[in-house]
Amino acid sequence: MRDTKKYSNIKEELPKLPEVLLNTIQSDVLEIRKIDKTCEKFLKASLKIAELKNAHYVVYSKYIDKENHRYEKFIFLDKDGEELFNLSGLEIELYGLLACTNLSYTDEYKALTSQ
């Protein structure tokens, strides 16, 4: 599945996304999600971490289970995909903070994941 591109419109939606992040997201090694800025959890977290107000997306590993969440690093991106800052799982918890993205899966990826 690593040779299959995951998203068809990621370059258009996130033109400033660094190449290394683009490649790891496209190969399904890392996951990207939009931040839900309307949820109470976001509002509380942004009071403690002011930079969150500028973040629109977060990149993380979907393979790390909840018990090991504190060891994970999260990469926060602006609306164009430019990297803003990193936080660890000790500093923030993503559960309940994420929304769906406006990225579209490729037909090839949908076919592979529906098997």
C-alpha atoms as a PDB file:
ATOM      1  CA  MET A   1       0.000   0.000   0.000  1.00  0.00           C
ATOM      2  CA  ARG A   2       2.987   2.320   0.364  1.00  0.00           C
ATOM      3  CA  ASP A   3       3.181   2.752  -3.431  1.00  0.00           C
ATOM      4  CA  THR A   4      -0.470   3.800  -3.545  1.00  0.00           C
ATOM      5  CA  LYS A   5      -1.166   7.514  -3.177  1.00  0.00           C
ATOM      6  CA  LYS A   6      -3.751   8.096  -0.459  1.00  0.00           C
ATOM      7  CA  TYR A   7      -5.109  11.566  -1.325  1.00  0.00           C
ATOM      8  CA  SER A   8      -5.884  12.957  -4.763  1.00  0.00           C
ATOM      9  CA  ASN A   9      -6.033  16.652  -3.807  1.00  0.00           C
ATOM     10  CA  ILE A  10      -3.470  17.041  -1.030  1.00  0.00           C
ATOM     11  CA  LYS A  11      -1.055  19.191  -3.065  1.00  0.00           C
ATOM     12  CA  GLU A  12      -3.848  21.588  -4.028  1.00  0.00           C
ATOM     13  CA  GLU A  13      -5.265  21.841  -0.498  1.00  0.00           C
ATOM     14  CA  LEU A  14      -1.881  22.025   1.273  1.00  0.00           C
ATOM     15  CA  PRO A  15       0.581  23.616  -1.183  1.00  0.00           C
ATOM     16  CA  LYS A  16       3.202  24.376   1.510  1.00  0.00           C
ATOM     17  CA  LEU A  17       3.258  20.877   2.991  1.00  0.00           C
ATOM     18  CA  PRO A  18       6.910  19.781   3.342  1.00  0.00           C
ATOM     19  CA  GLU A  19       7.847  16.983   0.928  1.00  0.00           C
ATOM     20  CA  VAL A  20       8.767  14.529   3.691  1.00  0.00           C
ATOM     21  CA  LEU A  21       5.346  14.954   5.321  1.00  0.00           C
ATOM     22  CA  LEU A  22       3.602  14.739   1.958  1.00  0.00           C
ATOM     23  CA  ASN A  23       5.342  11.448   1.190  1.00  0.00           C
ATOM     24  CA  THR A  24       4.667   9.869   4.590  1.00  0.00           C
ATOM     25  CA  ILE A  25       1.004  10.927   4.524  1.00  0.00           C
ATOM     26  CA  GLN A  26       0.539   9.750   0.943  1.00  0.00           C
ATOM     27  CA  SER A  27       2.122   6.383   1.749  1.00  0.00           C
ATOM     28  CA  ASP A  28      -0.191   6.005   4.798  1.00  0.00           C
ATOM     29  CA  VAL A  29       2.672   6.013   7.304  1.00  0.00           C
ATOM     30  CA  LEU A  30       1.370   9.181   9.001  1.00  0.00           C
ATOM     31  CA  GLU A  31      -2.171  10.490   9.272  1.00  0.00           C
ATOM     32  CA  ILE A  32      -3.429  14.054   8.813  1.00  0.00           C
ATOM     33  CA  ARG A  33      -6.618  15.483  10.285  1.00  0.00           C
ATOM     34  CA  LYS A  34      -8.220  18.881  10.504  1.00  0.00           C
ATOM     35  CA  ILE A  35      -8.529  20.411  13.970  1.00  0.00           C
ATOM     36  CA  ASP A  36     -12.062  21.026  15.200  1.00  0.00           C
ATOM     37  CA  LYS A  37     -11.758  24.618  16.399  1.00  0.00           C
ATOM     38  CA  THR A  38     -15.338  24.691  17.665  1.00  0.00           C
ATOM     39  CA  CYS A  39     -15.033  21.927  20.239  1.00  0.00           C
ATOM     40  CA  GLU A  40     -14.669  22.714  23.920  1.00  0.00           C
ATOM     41  CA  LYS A  41     -11.453  20.711  24.141  1.00  0.00           C
ATOM     42  CA  PHE A  42      -9.812  22.941  21.516  1.00  0.00           C
ATOM     43  CA  LEU A  43     -10.977  26.119  23.235  1.00  0.00           C
ATOM     44  CA  LYS A  44      -9.494  24.982  26.566  1.00  0.00           C
ATOM     45  CA  ALA A  45      -6.240  23.785  24.981  1.00  0.00           C
ATOM     46  CA  SER A  46      -5.756  27.034  23.044  1.00  0.00           C
ATOM     47  CA  LEU A  47      -5.891  28.974  26.309  1.00  0.00           C
ATOM     48  CA  LYS A  48      -2.844  27.010  27.487  1.00  0.00           C
ATOM     49  CA  ILE A  49      -1.094  26.756  24.105  1.00  0.00           C
ATOM     50  CA  ALA A  50      -1.635  30.034  22.237  1.00  0.00           C
ATOM     51  CA  GLU A  51      -0.047  28.748  18.983  1.00  0.00           C
ATOM     52  CA  LEU A  52      -2.973  26.349  18.524  1.00  0.00           C
ATOM     53  CA  LYS A  53      -5.124  29.235  17.309  1.00  0.00           C
ATOM     54  CA  ASN A  54      -3.076  29.342  14.076  1.00  0.00           C
ATOM     55  CA  ALA A  55      -3.112  25.578  13.529  1.00  0.00           C
ATOM     56  CA  HIS A  56      -5.584  24.018  11.108  1.00  0.00           C
ATOM     57  CA  TYR A  57      -4.189  20.484  10.697  1.00  0.00           C
ATOM     58  CA  VAL A  58      -2.223  17.986  12.743  1.00  0.00           C
ATOM     59  CA  VAL A  59      -0.040  15.120  11.522  1.00  0.00           C
ATOM     60  CA  TYR A  60       0.378  12.093  13.749  1.00  0.00           C
ATOM     61  CA  SER A  61       0.907   8.339  13.731  1.00  0.00           C
ATOM     62  CA  LYS A  62      -2.301   6.326  13.662  1.00  0.00           C
ATOM     63  CA  TYR A  63      -0.313   3.271  14.722  1.00  0.00           C
ATOM     64  CA  ILE A  64       0.467   4.439  18.256  1.00  0.00           C
ATOM     65  CA  ASP A  65      -2.083   3.155  20.742  1.00  0.00           C
ATOM     66  CA  LYS A  66      -3.621   5.273  23.483  1.00  0.00           C
ATOM     67  CA  GLU A  67      -1.373   3.797  26.195  1.00  0.00           C
ATOM     68  CA  ASN A  68       1.738   5.077  24.376  1.00  0.00           C
ATOM     69  CA  HIS A  69       0.216   8.391  23.340  1.00  0.00           C
ATOM     70  CA  ARG A  70       2.531  10.356  25.669  1.00  0.00           C
ATOM     71  CA  TYR A  71       5.577   9.295  23.602  1.00  0.00           C
ATOM     72  CA  GLU A  72       4.146  10.547  20.330  1.00  0.00           C
ATOM     73  CA  LYS A  73       5.019  13.804  18.557  1.00  0.00           C
ATOM     74  CA  PHE A  74       2.368  15.834  16.771  1.00  0.00           C
ATOM     75  CA  ILE A  75       3.132  18.229  13.926  1.00  0.00           C
ATOM     76  CA  PHE A  76       0.751  21.163  13.658  1.00  0.00           C
ATOM     77  CA  LEU A  77       0.242  22.868  10.290  1.00  0.00           C
ATOM     78  CA  ASP A  78      -1.362  26.080   9.095  1.00  0.00           C
ATOM     79  CA  LYS A  79      -4.171  26.207   6.510  1.00  0.00           C
ATOM     80  CA  ASP A  80      -1.679  25.840   3.622  1.00  0.00           C
ATOM     81  CA  GLY A  81       0.239  22.935   5.161  1.00  0.00           C
ATOM     82  CA  GLU A  82       3.223  24.917   6.422  1.00  0.00           C
ATOM     83  CA  GLU A  83       4.683  23.463   9.614  1.00  0.00           C
ATOM     84  CA  LEU A  84       4.035  25.677  12.633  1.00  0.00           C
ATOM     85  CA  PHE A  85       5.173  23.754  15.714  1.00  0.00           C
ATOM     86  CA  ASN A  86       5.409  20.317  17.329  1.00  0.00           C
ATOM     87  CA  LEU A  87       3.955  19.081  20.598  1.00  0.00           C
ATOM     88  CA  SER A  88       4.315  15.797  22.411  1.00  0.00           C
ATOM     89  CA  GLY A  89       1.594  13.592  23.774  1.00  0.00           C
ATOM     90  CA  LEU A  90       2.595  14.815  27.231  1.00  0.00           C
ATOM     91  CA  GLU A  91       1.582  18.362  26.239  1.00  0.00           C
ATOM     92  CA  ILE A  92      -1.679  17.691  24.413  1.00  0.00           C
ATOM     93  CA  GLU A  93      -4.154  14.893  23.795  1.00  0.00           C
ATOM     94  CA  LEU A  94      -5.702  14.681  20.323  1.00  0.00           C
ATOM     95  CA  TYR A  95      -8.726  12.569  21.252  1.00  0.00           C
ATOM     96  CA  GLY A  96     -11.849  14.652  20.718  1.00  0.00           C
ATOM     97  CA  LEU A  97      -9.903  17.438  18.988  1.00  0.00           C
ATOM     98  CA  LEU A  98      -9.984  16.199  15.400  1.00  0.00           C
ATOM     99  CA  ALA A  99     -12.427  16.582  12.537  1.00  0.00           C
ATOM    100  CA  CYS A 100     -12.597  15.121   9.049  1.00  0.00           C
ATOM    101  CA  THR A 101     -10.382  16.680   6.410  1.00  0.00           C
ATOM    102  CA  ASN A 102     -11.304  18.134   3.054  1.00  0.00           C
ATOM    103  CA  LEU A 103      -8.897  15.727   1.385  1.00  0.00           C
ATOM    104  CA  SER A 104     -10.220  13.173  -1.092  1.00  0.00           C
ATOM    105  CA  TYR A 105      -9.041   9.578  -1.238  1.00  0.00           C
ATOM    106  CA  THR A 106      -7.711   8.300  -4.554  1.00  0.00           C
ATOM    107  CA  ASP A 107      -9.736   5.581  -6.277  1.00  0.00           C
ATOM    108  CA  GLU A 108      -6.759   3.233  -5.968  1.00  0.00           C
ATOM    109  CA  TYR A 109      -6.573   3.769  -2.189  1.00  0.00           C
ATOM    110  CA  LYS A 110     -10.344   3.289  -1.766  1.00  0.00           C
ATOM    111  CA  ALA A 111     -10.142   0.013  -3.716  1.00  0.00           C
ATOM    112  CA  LEU A 112      -7.287  -1.274  -1.535  1.00  0.00           C
ATOM    113  CA  THR A 113      -8.963  -0.380   1.754  1.00  0.00           C
ATOM    114  CA  SER A 114     -12.343  -1.813   0.817  1.00  0.00           C
ATOM    115  CA  GLN A 115     -10.976  -5.333   0.309  1.00  0.00           C
END
